Structures are given as structure tokens and as C-alpha cells.
Amino acid sequence: MRSIGTTDLSVFPISLGTNVFGWTADKEASFAVLDAYVEGGGNFIDTADVYPYWATGESTSEMIIGEWMADRRNRDSLVLATKVGMLEGLEGLAPATIRTAVEDSLRRLRTDYIDLYWAHVDDHDTPMVETLAAFDALVREGKVRYVGASNHGAARLAEALKTSDDEGLVRYVALQQQYNLVERGYEGELRDVVAREGLASTPYFGLARGFLTGKYAPGVTVDSPRAGMAAGYLQTEHGRRTLETLAKVAAERSVPAATVALAWLAAQPTIIAPIASARDVGQLWALMTAAGLTLSPEELALLDEASRA
């Protein structure tokens, strides 16, 4: 288990992403994935009020998770994270939006508290102090334990943390941003802020929309809603070189490419628990295996060099 920043949240090294629940994974499949994740030692579940609204017109992921927790009676053994700011009709981080969204999420999740509540977007139209004051109120009321920032740049994240300190308001404890072997923009100023301020990172798209699972290759057709975006990496020399090296390390370790990709990510500075999703138990196995795989310094260096653009 790993701790998120300076909090008392102790989490499994791989966070289960649930954006596919109610979309490419129906209720039965979602329950099976959740059961297998917990049985494998997992406890960190990541969702959002907008998952997968784009496909179902409802916050289906939260609804499925809420039903599963009620059925399994395991809420208090989990670290549950959800987000606010991107759902149609509840965009942004205005105080009234946050208040409405959190009550809706609590109802769908069938719980009275959220362990980690993410600002899903950086809202430039709402004064930062108002957003942070709204989060602060939720923490004081016990509806939220901690808050985090998702999709925030370095300057804005630093500004938010300074505002919290100056105003005596709740502070973001973690950052959620895109980061993987082929998308390494996090390295640099943004990571410096996270490290300097004692935050933790739980990156999304850890498998580059499925590209780093190894199932993409020239001439291969992949049945996935994300196939078009993932296959785009194959058009670059950088992407092909990364896949080749990933396949080499995976073969030597006798594990799937996805396992190695997540193990590399989990070994990077500030990274606490990469987020990865699975639409069935078969896909989940590769993710869970990453939690127990420690890559050697030589393997990490080989992947680092191959994946630099």
C-alpha cells in the first residue's frame, strides 16, 4: 500500500478506473471486475459524475459502484474517488455547482462521504478562492475527506495551493493528469510543483488509451471505442520504438506489456497509483500484476530511453 501525500489514505499501487462501467462493461461485468480487484488486494476506485455520460446519458459508473458497494457492504474498506466539473449542466467549479454535484454523487454512490473529491477541470471563470472555500465546507461537513486537482497546469496548481495556505482553506493533496510512456509532458514544471508541495500523482491514460497493452500493431484491427486514437501512436517512430522495447521487457519477464507499462509508471517520482480500467476480469489481471512487479534500474532506463520523443 502507498500513502497519498501526507494524508491517511493508504491505497493499492494500481487504482481501478471505472469510466467503462455502463459503457463497454455492463453491470454484471462491472461487478465481476470490482470483485476481482478487491479480491486481489485492491482498494482504490476512481470514478466521476461524467462517466460514461457521453454514452449512456447518465452517471452510470457511480450508480453501478454504489449498487455494488451496497450489495457487498464494503464501503469503509475502500478509498473512493469521484470528480466534479465536466458533467453536462454541472460544468465548472462554481460553489453552487460543487454543492449540487457532490449531493448527486453521494446519492448515486449510496454513501455519505467521498474519500477523494477531484476538481475535474481547471475553472478559469470562477475565482479560485470561491472554489476552494466550497471544497473546504464539504470537508468540514464530513462529506469529503480530501480534495485533489485534475487537469491543472503547473502555474494554476501552484496558485491554488498558495491560495489555500493564505486563506486557511483545504488544500489539494493530489494531482491527476495524463502520463504514460508515450505521453511524458508531466515531467518538468508540473511534476516539480507536485514534488515541492508534497502532493501525490495518480495519472490517467496510464496505458495510452490501450496502445501500451501491446495489442496494437501495423495491419491489426482492434475492437475498441478508443482504437482510432490509440492506433495514432503507431504512425510515429517514437511510438513504434516504445512498443518494441516494451514487448522486449515484457517477454523477458513473461508478463503482458500492460503490466510492464504500468510498473514503469508506478516507479516514477511522485507517482502513487496509476489509474487503469478493465472491461472484464481478463483485462484486469495484467493491471493487478503490475502492483507486484518491480523493474530493475536497467529495465527502467531502457524504457526511459526508448520512450523519449
Protein backbone atom coordinates (compact mmCIF):
# COMPACT_ATOMS: atom_id res chain seq x y z
CA MET A 1 0.00 0.00 0.00
CA ARG A 2 1.08 3.60 -0.62
CA SER A 3 0.05 6.83 1.09
CA ILE A 4 -1.42 9.72 -0.88
CA GLY A 5 0.79 12.65 0.02
CA THR A 6 0.60 13.43 3.73
CA THR A 7 -2.92 12.05 4.10
CA ASP A 8 -4.03 8.92 5.91
CA LEU A 9 -5.33 7.46 2.65
CA SER A 10 -3.47 4.19 2.11
CA VAL A 11 -4.04 2.83 -1.38
CA PHE A 12 -3.21 -0.12 -3.61
CA PRO A 13 -0.48 0.79 -6.17
CA ILE A 14 -2.96 0.50 -9.05
CA SER A 15 -6.20 2.48 -8.98
CA LEU A 16 -9.18 0.92 -10.75
CA GLY A 17 -10.55 3.29 -13.36
CA THR A 18 -14.27 2.86 -13.96
CA ASN A 19 -15.07 5.02 -16.97
CA VAL A 20 -16.09 1.86 -18.87
CA PHE A 21 -18.77 0.85 -16.34
CA GLY A 22 -22.15 1.06 -18.02
CA TRP A 23 -20.45 1.65 -21.38
CA THR A 24 -18.25 -1.19 -22.64
CA ALA A 25 -18.78 -3.13 -19.39
CA ASP A 26 -22.37 -3.83 -18.36
CA LYS A 27 -23.45 -4.16 -14.74
CA GLU A 28 -22.61 -7.85 -14.49
CA ALA A 29 -19.15 -7.39 -15.99
CA SER A 30 -18.52 -4.32 -13.82
CA PHE A 31 -19.45 -6.21 -10.65
CA ALA A 32 -17.08 -9.03 -11.68
CA VAL A 33 -14.21 -6.59 -12.24
CA LEU A 34 -14.84 -4.85 -8.92
CA ASP A 35 -14.99 -8.18 -7.08
CA ALA A 36 -11.76 -9.40 -8.66
CA TYR A 37 -9.99 -6.11 -7.96
CA VAL A 38 -10.86 -6.24 -4.26
CA GLU A 39 -10.09 -9.95 -4.01
CA GLY A 40 -6.66 -9.16 -5.45
CA GLY A 41 -5.97 -6.64 -2.71
CA GLY A 42 -7.19 -3.50 -4.47
CA ASN A 43 -9.00 -0.73 -2.60
CA PHE A 44 -8.65 2.48 -4.67
CA ILE A 45 -11.61 3.08 -7.01
CA ASP A 46 -11.69 6.10 -9.31
CA THR A 47 -14.88 7.36 -10.96
CA ALA A 48 -16.53 10.64 -12.00
CA ASP A 49 -20.02 12.03 -12.34
CA VAL A 50 -19.42 12.26 -16.10
CA TYR A 51 -18.57 8.53 -16.52
CA PRO A 52 -19.84 7.45 -19.05
CA TYR A 53 -22.44 10.15 -19.63
CA TRP A 54 -21.21 10.52 -23.22
CA ALA A 55 -22.51 7.01 -23.99
CA THR A 56 -25.46 6.49 -21.64
CA GLY A 57 -26.76 9.97 -20.83
CA GLU A 58 -26.43 9.05 -17.15
CA SER A 59 -23.74 8.89 -14.46
CA THR A 60 -23.80 5.13 -14.85
CA SER A 61 -20.41 4.40 -13.33
CA GLU A 62 -21.28 5.97 -9.98
CA MET A 63 -24.63 4.18 -10.00
CA ILE A 64 -23.06 0.77 -10.60
CA ILE A 65 -20.37 1.31 -7.96
CA GLY A 66 -23.00 2.46 -5.47
CA GLU A 67 -25.12 -0.61 -6.06
CA TRP A 68 -22.08 -2.88 -5.80
CA MET A 69 -20.90 -1.34 -2.51
CA ALA A 70 -24.38 -1.58 -1.04
CA ASP A 71 -24.62 -5.23 -2.07
CA ARG A 72 -21.12 -6.14 -0.83
CA ARG A 73 -21.31 -3.90 2.27
CA ASN A 74 -17.66 -2.95 1.87
CA ARG A 75 -17.73 0.86 1.65
CA ASP A 76 -15.46 1.51 4.62
CA SER A 77 -12.71 -0.76 3.31
CA LEU A 78 -12.39 1.28 0.11
CA VAL A 79 -10.77 4.55 -0.90
CA LEU A 80 -13.39 6.05 -3.20
CA ALA A 81 -12.66 8.95 -5.53
CA THR A 82 -15.03 10.84 -7.81
CA LYS A 83 -14.97 14.15 -9.67
CA VAL A 84 -16.86 17.37 -10.35
CA GLY A 85 -16.73 19.85 -13.20
CA MET A 86 -17.37 18.12 -16.53
CA LEU A 87 -20.92 16.76 -16.37
CA GLU A 88 -23.39 18.40 -18.76
CA GLY A 89 -25.33 21.03 -16.83
CA LEU A 90 -22.81 20.98 -13.98
CA GLU A 91 -19.70 22.22 -15.74
CA GLY A 92 -17.07 24.18 -13.87
CA LEU A 93 -16.27 24.71 -10.21
CA ALA A 94 -18.67 27.39 -9.02
CA PRO A 95 -19.72 26.82 -5.39
CA ALA A 96 -23.35 26.07 -6.31
CA THR A 97 -22.20 23.59 -8.94
CA ILE A 98 -19.93 21.79 -6.49
CA ARG A 99 -22.69 21.63 -3.89
CA THR A 100 -25.24 20.18 -6.32
CA ALA A 101 -22.76 17.77 -7.86
CA VAL A 102 -21.49 16.33 -4.59
CA GLU A 103 -25.01 15.67 -3.31
CA ASP A 104 -25.85 13.93 -6.58
CA SER A 105 -22.69 11.82 -6.44
CA LEU A 106 -23.29 10.83 -2.81
CA ARG A 107 -26.79 9.72 -3.71
CA ARG A 108 -25.69 7.66 -6.71
CA LEU A 109 -22.79 6.13 -4.78
CA ARG A 110 -25.08 5.33 -1.85
CA THR A 111 -22.59 6.69 0.65
CA ASP A 112 -22.36 9.66 2.99
CA TYR A 113 -18.73 10.54 2.26
CA ILE A 114 -16.19 10.64 -0.56
CA ASP A 115 -12.56 9.92 0.29
CA LEU A 116 -11.02 11.97 -2.50
CA TYR A 117 -13.03 14.55 -4.44
CA TRP A 118 -11.38 15.80 -7.62
CA ALA A 119 -11.78 19.14 -9.35
CA HIS A 120 -12.07 17.51 -12.78
CA VAL A 121 -11.20 20.71 -14.63
CA ASP A 122 -9.44 24.00 -14.00
CA ASP A 123 -12.24 26.59 -13.99
CA HIS A 124 -10.80 29.97 -15.03
CA ASP A 125 -14.20 31.68 -14.77
CA THR A 126 -14.74 31.10 -11.03
CA PRO A 127 -12.47 32.84 -8.52
CA MET A 128 -10.14 30.20 -7.13
CA VAL A 129 -10.83 31.19 -3.55
CA GLU A 130 -14.55 30.54 -4.05
CA THR A 131 -13.92 27.04 -5.39
CA LEU A 132 -11.56 26.20 -2.55
CA ALA A 133 -13.97 27.61 0.05
CA ALA A 134 -16.70 25.36 -1.33
CA PHE A 135 -14.43 22.33 -1.05
CA ASP A 136 -13.39 23.43 2.43
CA ALA A 137 -17.02 23.49 3.54
CA LEU A 138 -17.55 19.93 2.28
CA VAL A 139 -14.53 18.71 4.22
CA ARG A 140 -15.70 20.43 7.40
CA GLU A 141 -19.13 18.84 6.96
CA GLY A 142 -17.58 15.39 6.59
CA LYS A 143 -18.98 14.81 3.11
CA VAL A 144 -15.50 14.84 1.61
CA ARG A 145 -12.27 13.76 3.29
CA TYR A 146 -9.70 15.21 0.86
CA VAL A 147 -9.67 17.12 -2.43
CA GLY A 148 -7.46 16.86 -5.48
CA ALA A 149 -6.86 18.71 -8.74
CA SER A 150 -7.25 17.09 -12.14
CA ASN A 151 -6.14 18.62 -15.45
CA HIS A 152 -4.43 21.62 -13.84
CA GLY A 153 -1.25 23.18 -15.21
CA ALA A 154 1.78 23.96 -13.07
CA ALA A 155 1.10 27.67 -12.55
CA ARG A 156 -2.55 27.21 -11.68
CA LEU A 157 -1.86 24.32 -9.35
CA ALA A 158 0.78 26.36 -7.53
CA GLU A 159 -1.63 29.29 -7.32
CA ALA A 160 -4.36 27.10 -5.85
CA LEU A 161 -2.03 25.74 -3.18
CA LYS A 162 -0.85 29.24 -2.27
CA THR A 163 -4.46 30.45 -2.07
CA SER A 164 -5.32 27.61 0.29
CA ASP A 165 -2.35 28.43 2.50
CA ASP A 166 -3.04 32.18 2.50
CA GLU A 167 -6.76 31.80 3.20
CA GLY A 168 -6.60 28.84 5.57
CA LEU A 169 -8.64 26.65 3.26
CA VAL A 170 -8.45 22.95 2.46
CA ARG A 171 -5.50 22.12 0.23
CA TYR A 172 -5.30 19.86 -2.81
CA VAL A 173 -3.44 16.69 -1.80
CA ALA A 174 -3.01 15.10 -5.21
CA LEU A 175 -2.91 15.71 -8.94
CA GLN A 176 -4.49 13.62 -11.68
CA GLN A 177 -3.10 14.15 -15.17
CA GLN A 178 -2.27 12.26 -18.34
CA TYR A 179 1.05 10.43 -18.11
CA ASN A 180 2.42 7.28 -19.71
CA LEU A 181 5.38 6.00 -21.68
CA VAL A 182 4.37 7.86 -24.85
CA GLU A 183 2.90 10.98 -23.22
CA ARG A 184 5.54 12.38 -20.88
CA GLY A 185 4.55 16.03 -20.66
CA TYR A 186 4.07 15.72 -16.90
CA GLU A 187 7.82 15.52 -16.44
CA GLY A 188 9.10 19.01 -15.80
CA GLU A 189 7.46 22.02 -14.20
CA LEU A 190 4.21 20.29 -13.28
CA ARG A 191 5.96 17.38 -11.58
CA ASP A 192 8.24 19.86 -9.83
CA VAL A 193 5.22 21.57 -8.24
CA VAL A 194 3.78 18.23 -7.12
CA ALA A 195 7.10 17.18 -5.57
CA ARG A 196 7.85 20.52 -3.94
CA GLU A 197 4.40 20.84 -2.39
CA GLY A 198 4.25 17.26 -1.07
CA LEU A 199 1.42 16.13 -3.33
CA ALA A 200 0.94 12.73 -4.94
CA SER A 201 0.04 11.89 -8.52
CA THR A 202 -2.50 9.33 -9.74
CA PRO A 203 -2.15 9.63 -13.53
CA TYR A 204 -4.82 8.62 -16.03
CA PHE A 205 -4.35 7.10 -19.51
CA GLY A 206 -1.53 5.04 -18.00
CA LEU A 207 -1.82 2.67 -20.96
CA ALA A 208 -2.21 5.45 -23.55
CA ARG A 209 -5.83 4.55 -24.35
CA GLY A 210 -4.84 0.90 -24.74
CA PHE A 211 -1.84 1.46 -27.01
CA LEU A 212 0.61 0.16 -24.40
CA THR A 213 -1.24 -3.12 -23.94
CA GLY A 214 0.65 -4.46 -26.94
CA LYS A 215 -2.46 -5.31 -28.93
CA TYR A 216 -1.82 -2.58 -31.50
CA ALA A 217 0.43 -3.42 -34.43
CA PRO A 218 0.60 -2.42 -38.11
CA GLY A 219 -2.26 -4.06 -40.00
CA VAL A 220 -4.06 -5.24 -36.86
CA THR A 221 -7.70 -4.22 -36.30
CA VAL A 222 -8.62 -3.68 -32.65
CA ASP A 223 -12.22 -3.75 -31.44
CA SER A 224 -12.26 -0.79 -29.07
CA PRO A 225 -14.00 2.62 -28.97
CA ARG A 226 -10.55 4.12 -28.46
CA ALA A 227 -8.83 2.22 -31.27
CA GLY A 228 -8.56 5.23 -33.58
CA MET A 229 -6.83 7.41 -31.02
CA ALA A 230 -4.54 4.67 -29.72
CA ALA A 231 -3.53 3.50 -33.17
CA GLY A 232 -2.33 7.01 -33.95
CA TYR A 233 0.79 6.34 -31.89
CA LEU A 234 1.74 3.66 -34.41
CA GLN A 235 2.20 6.36 -37.02
CA THR A 236 5.23 7.74 -35.18
CA GLU A 237 8.72 6.30 -34.94
CA HIS A 238 8.63 7.16 -31.25
CA GLY A 239 5.51 5.08 -30.69
CA ARG A 240 6.80 2.06 -32.59
CA ARG A 241 10.15 2.19 -30.77
CA THR A 242 8.39 2.33 -27.41
CA LEU A 243 6.22 -0.67 -28.26
CA GLU A 244 9.22 -2.71 -29.39
CA THR A 245 11.13 -2.07 -26.18
CA LEU A 246 8.05 -2.68 -24.06
CA ALA A 247 7.48 -6.02 -25.79
CA LYS A 248 11.10 -6.99 -25.22
CA VAL A 249 10.99 -6.33 -21.47
CA ALA A 250 7.56 -7.98 -21.16
CA ALA A 251 8.78 -11.12 -22.94
CA GLU A 252 11.83 -11.35 -20.70
CA ARG A 253 9.61 -11.02 -17.63
CA SER A 254 6.87 -13.32 -19.02
CA VAL A 255 4.18 -10.74 -18.29
CA PRO A 256 1.86 -8.70 -20.53
CA ALA A 257 3.08 -5.42 -22.00
CA ALA A 258 0.41 -3.57 -19.98
CA THR A 259 1.94 -4.90 -16.77
CA VAL A 260 5.36 -3.51 -17.65
CA ALA A 261 3.95 -0.16 -18.80
CA LEU A 262 2.13 0.35 -15.50
CA ALA A 263 5.10 -0.88 -13.45
CA TRP A 264 7.31 1.69 -15.20
CA LEU A 265 4.77 4.41 -14.45
CA ALA A 266 4.37 3.38 -10.80
CA ALA A 267 8.16 3.63 -10.39
CA GLN A 268 8.34 7.27 -11.50
CA PRO A 269 8.85 10.11 -8.98
CA THR A 270 5.65 11.40 -7.27
CA ILE A 271 3.51 8.60 -8.76
CA ILE A 272 1.44 6.81 -6.14
CA ALA A 273 -1.12 4.81 -8.12
CA PRO A 274 -1.63 4.89 -11.89
CA ILE A 275 -5.26 4.61 -12.94
CA ALA A 276 -6.19 1.86 -15.36
CA SER A 277 -9.53 0.42 -16.40
CA ALA A 278 -10.67 -3.04 -17.40
CA ARG A 279 -13.91 -4.07 -19.06
CA ASP A 280 -13.56 -7.69 -17.97
CA VAL A 281 -11.64 -9.79 -15.46
CA GLY A 282 -9.25 -10.98 -18.15
CA GLN A 283 -8.02 -7.45 -18.77
CA LEU A 284 -7.81 -6.79 -15.03
CA TRP A 285 -5.20 -9.49 -14.44
CA ALA A 286 -2.50 -7.59 -16.33
CA LEU A 287 -3.21 -4.45 -14.30
CA MET A 288 -3.14 -6.19 -10.92
CA THR A 289 0.11 -7.97 -11.77
CA ALA A 290 1.79 -4.59 -12.19
CA ALA A 291 1.37 -3.90 -8.47
CA GLY A 292 3.82 -6.69 -7.67
CA LEU A 293 6.33 -6.10 -10.47
CA THR A 294 9.50 -4.18 -9.63
CA LEU A 295 11.51 -3.34 -12.71
CA SER A 296 15.31 -3.27 -12.45
CA PRO A 297 17.22 0.01 -12.89
CA GLU A 298 18.42 -1.32 -16.24
CA GLU A 299 14.88 -2.08 -17.42
CA LEU A 300 13.63 1.33 -16.27
CA ALA A 301 16.48 3.05 -18.09
CA LEU A 302 15.88 1.04 -21.27
CA LEU A 303 12.20 2.02 -21.32
CA ASP A 304 13.01 5.61 -20.43
CA GLU A 305 15.42 5.98 -23.32
CA ALA A 306 13.19 4.24 -25.86
CA SER A 307 10.12 6.27 -24.98
CA ARG A 308 11.66 9.71 -25.15
CA ALA A 309 10.30 11.56 -28.18
